[in-house]
C-alpha atoms as a PDB file:
ATOM      1  CA  GLY A   1    -100.378 -59.603 197.474  1.00  0.00           C
ATOM      2  CA  LEU A   2    -103.840 -59.533 198.994  1.00  0.00           C
ATOM      3  CA  TYR A   3    -104.312 -56.973 201.768  1.00  0.00           C
ATOM      4  CA  ALA A   4    -106.988 -55.923 204.246  1.00  0.00           C
ATOM      5  CA  LEU A   5    -107.326 -52.152 204.537  1.00  0.00           C
ATOM      6  CA  TYR A   6    -109.083 -50.460 207.466  1.00  0.00           C
ATOM      7  CA  VAL A   7    -109.772 -46.874 208.437  1.00  0.00           C
ATOM      8  CA  ARG A   8    -108.792 -46.018 212.043  1.00  0.00           C
ATOM      9  CA  TYR A   9    -111.522 -43.718 213.305  1.00  0.00           C
ATOM     10  CA  ASN A  10    -113.689 -42.332 216.068  1.00  0.00           C
ATOM     11  CA  ASN A  11    -117.400 -41.623 215.625  1.00  0.00           C
ATOM     12  CA  ARG A  12    -119.288 -40.091 218.527  1.00  0.00           C
ATOM     13  CA  GLN A  13    -122.183 -38.522 216.617  1.00  0.00           C
ATOM     14  CA  HIS A  14    -124.635 -40.504 218.756  1.00  0.00           C
ATOM     15  CA  THR A  15    -124.803 -43.517 221.034  1.00  0.00           C
ATOM     16  CA  ILE A  16    -123.830 -46.983 219.861  1.00  0.00           C
ATOM     17  CA  ASP A  17    -127.480 -48.083 219.684  1.00  0.00           C
ATOM     18  CA  SER A  18    -128.224 -45.633 216.840  1.00  0.00           C
ATOM     19  CA  GLY A  19    -127.302 -46.471 213.271  1.00  0.00           C
ATOM     20  CA  VAL A  20    -128.646 -43.212 211.813  1.00  0.00           C
ATOM     21  CA  THR A  21    -125.218 -41.549 211.968  1.00  0.00           C
ATOM     22  CA  ASN A  22    -123.123 -44.613 211.156  1.00  0.00           C
ATOM     23  CA  ALA A  23    -120.503 -42.953 208.924  1.00  0.00           C
ATOM     24  CA  VAL A  24    -120.486 -44.548 205.460  1.00  0.00           C
ATOM     25  CA  LYS A  25    -117.647 -43.522 203.159  1.00  0.00           C
ATOM     26  CA  THR A  26    -116.012 -44.548 199.916  1.00  0.00           C
ATOM     27  CA  LEU A  27    -112.336 -45.353 200.014  1.00  0.00           C
ATOM     28  CA  SER A  28    -110.567 -44.972 196.680  1.00  0.00           C
ATOM     29  CA  ILE A  29    -107.131 -46.470 196.130  1.00  0.00           C
ATOM     30  CA  PHE A  30    -104.971 -44.993 193.343  1.00  0.00           C
ATOM     31  CA  ASN A  31    -101.749 -46.470 191.980  1.00  0.00           C
ATOM     32  CA  GLY A  32     -98.532 -44.489 191.525  1.00  0.00           C
ATOM     33  CA  GLU A  33     -99.696 -43.191 188.130  1.00  0.00           C
ATOM     34  CA  GLY A  34    -102.927 -41.846 189.646  1.00  0.00           C
ATOM     35  CA  LYS A  35    -105.129 -44.548 188.108  1.00  0.00           C
ATOM     36  CA  LEU A  36    -108.025 -45.796 190.226  1.00  0.00           C
ATOM     37  CA  GLN A  37    -107.124 -49.274 191.476  1.00  0.00           C
ATOM     38  CA  GLN A  38    -110.264 -49.890 193.543  1.00  0.00           C
ATOM     39  CA  ARG A  39    -113.161 -48.023 195.149  1.00  0.00           C
ATOM     40  CA  SER A  40    -115.057 -49.629 198.027  1.00  0.00           C
ATOM     41  CA  VAL A  41    -117.442 -48.642 200.801  1.00  0.00           C
ATOM     42  CA  VAL A  42    -116.435 -48.682 204.471  1.00  0.00           C
ATOM     43  CA  GLN A  43    -118.616 -48.220 207.525  1.00  0.00           C
ATOM     44  CA  MET A  44    -117.657 -46.500 210.773  1.00  0.00           C
ATOM     45  CA  PRO A  45    -120.375 -47.053 213.390  1.00  0.00           C
ATOM     46  CA  ASN A  46    -120.951 -44.864 216.427  1.00  0.00           C
ATOM     47  CA  LEU A  47    -118.747 -45.865 219.357  1.00  0.00           C
ATOM     48  CA  SER A  48    -119.462 -46.242 223.030  1.00  0.00           C
ATOM     49  CA  ASP A  49    -117.083 -45.154 225.732  1.00  0.00           C
ATOM     50  CA  GLU A  50    -114.771 -47.598 227.441  1.00  0.00           C
ATOM     51  CA  LYS A  51    -114.283 -46.451 231.051  1.00  0.00           C
ATOM     52  CA  GLY A  52    -114.723 -42.819 230.011  1.00  0.00           C
ATOM     53  CA  GLN A  53    -112.421 -43.085 226.985  1.00  0.00           C
ATOM     54  CA  TYR A  54    -113.207 -43.307 223.279  1.00  0.00           C
ATOM     55  CA  PRO A  55    -110.335 -45.293 221.761  1.00  0.00           C
ATOM     56  CA  LEU A  56    -109.866 -45.498 218.001  1.00  0.00           C
ATOM     57  CA  LYS A  57    -111.557 -48.410 216.257  1.00  0.00           C
ATOM     58  CA  SER A  58    -111.258 -50.029 212.835  1.00  0.00           C
ATOM     59  CA  SER A  59    -113.843 -49.625 210.086  1.00  0.00           C
ATOM     60  CA  THR A  60    -115.179 -52.515 208.077  1.00  0.00           C
ATOM     61  CA  GLU A  61    -112.403 -53.936 205.923  1.00  0.00           C
ATOM     62  CA  ILE A  62    -111.630 -53.610 202.271  1.00  0.00           C
ATOM     63  CA  LYS A  63    -109.772 -56.455 200.596  1.00  0.00           C
ATOM     64  CA  VAL A  64    -107.494 -55.262 197.823  1.00  0.00           C
ATOM     65  CA  TRP A  65    -104.819 -56.831 195.626  1.00  0.00           C
ATOM     66  CA  LEU A  66    -101.728 -54.611 195.519  1.00  0.00           C
ATOM     67  CA  ASP A  67     -98.589 -55.025 193.458  1.00  0.00           C
ATOM     68  CA  LYS A  68     -95.296 -53.582 194.646  1.00  0.00           C
ATOM     69  CA  GLY A  69     -95.359 -49.798 194.328  1.00  0.00           C
ATOM     70  CA  SER A  70     -96.783 -46.645 195.849  1.00  0.00           C
ATOM     71  CA  TYR A  71    -100.470 -45.863 196.324  1.00  0.00           C
ATOM     72  CA  SER A  72    -102.634 -43.020 197.528  1.00  0.00           C
ATOM     73  CA  LEU A  73    -106.026 -43.009 199.233  1.00  0.00           C
ATOM     74  CA  ALA A  74    -109.027 -40.705 198.998  1.00  0.00           C
ATOM     75  CA  VAL A  75    -112.072 -40.728 201.276  1.00  0.00           C
ATOM     76  CA  GLY A  76    -115.465 -39.627 199.952  1.00  0.00           C
ATOM     77  CA  ASP A  77    -119.051 -39.527 201.171  1.00  0.00           C
ATOM     78  CA  PHE A  78    -121.541 -42.311 200.625  1.00  0.00           C
ATOM     79  CA  PHE A  79    -125.172 -42.701 201.662  1.00  0.00           C
ATOM     80  CA  ASN A  80    -126.109 -43.317 205.308  1.00  0.00           C
ATOM     81  CA  MET A  81    -129.460 -43.515 207.094  1.00  0.00           C
ATOM     82  CA  SER A  82    -129.489 -39.818 208.038  1.00  0.00           C
ATOM     83  CA  TYR A  83    -130.249 -39.011 204.365  1.00  0.00           C
ATOM     84  CA  LEU A  84    -133.543 -40.921 204.512  1.00  0.00           C
ATOM     85  CA  GLN A  85    -136.728 -38.853 204.693  1.00  0.00           C
ATOM     86  CA  ALA A  86    -138.010 -41.349 207.287  1.00  0.00           C
ATOM     87  CA  ASN A  87    -135.363 -40.026 209.724  1.00  0.00           C
ATOM     88  CA  SER A  88    -136.092 -36.319 209.183  1.00  0.00           C
ATOM     89  CA  SER A  89    -138.047 -36.162 212.461  1.00  0.00           C
ATOM     90  CA  TYR A  90    -135.389 -38.077 214.431  1.00  0.00           C
ATOM     91  CA  LYS A  91    -134.442 -36.005 217.487  1.00  0.00           C
ATOM     92  CA  GLY A  92    -130.775 -37.038 217.623  1.00  0.00           C
ATOM     93  CA  SER A  93    -127.859 -36.071 215.421  1.00  0.00           C
ATOM     94  CA  GLY A  94    -128.650 -36.684 211.750  1.00  0.00           C
ATOM     95  CA  GLY A  95    -132.379 -36.108 212.205  1.00  0.00           C
ATOM     96  CA  PHE A  96    -134.374 -32.884 211.964  1.00  0.00           C
ATOM     97  CA  THR A  97    -131.180 -30.776 211.867  1.00  0.00           C
ATOM     98  CA  GLY A  98    -130.135 -32.488 208.633  1.00  0.00           C
ATOM     99  CA  PRO A  99    -127.960 -35.384 207.494  1.00  0.00           C
ATOM    100  CA  VAL A 100    -124.748 -36.216 209.382  1.00  0.00           C
ATOM    101  CA  ASN A 101    -122.223 -38.574 207.822  1.00  0.00           C
ATOM    102  CA  LYS A 102    -118.908 -37.916 209.524  1.00  0.00           C
ATOM    103  CA  ALA A 103    -116.235 -39.519 211.650  1.00  0.00           C
ATOM    104  CA  SER A 104    -112.813 -38.416 212.836  1.00  0.00           C
ATOM    105  CA  ILE A 105    -110.242 -40.297 210.774  1.00  0.00           C
ATOM    106  CA  ALA A 106    -106.880 -40.827 212.443  1.00  0.00           C
ATOM    107  CA  GLY A 107    -105.228 -43.032 209.842  1.00  0.00           C
ATOM    108  CA  PHE A 108    -105.290 -46.297 207.961  1.00  0.00           C
ATOM    109  CA  SER A 109    -104.181 -49.844 208.684  1.00  0.00           C
ATOM    110  CA  LEU A 110    -102.933 -52.243 206.016  1.00  0.00           C
ATOM    111  CA  THR A 111    -102.434 -55.943 206.773  1.00  0.00           C
ATOM    112  CA  ARG A 112    -101.170 -58.525 204.312  1.00  0.00           C
ATOM    113  CA  ILE A 113    -103.494 -61.544 204.052  1.00  0.00           C
ATOM    114  CA  GLU A 114    -101.626 -63.597 201.425  1.00  0.00           C
END
């Protein structure tokens, strides 16, 4: 069937009003034989606190068609704004100290759509 796949994450590299350290990753889905089924890009923006807490959030979704079987996932780096030369003088995380493209990944969520 058709599924929506999300990464459950936390990203506190900077405040929510900064997109420089929005974590941008590839998510690769492999079938049971190890063959690449799909590779897509997900985004994990910076999060703001909610009453002093930083609860897990969901990344942007990936829609994927999956047949019955087992699958594995791999997360890789993609390009975010901290890699841009224009942000090399930025004073926050991902600026003059170098690129930052990370988030804490707690797990994944898979929801059947059809």
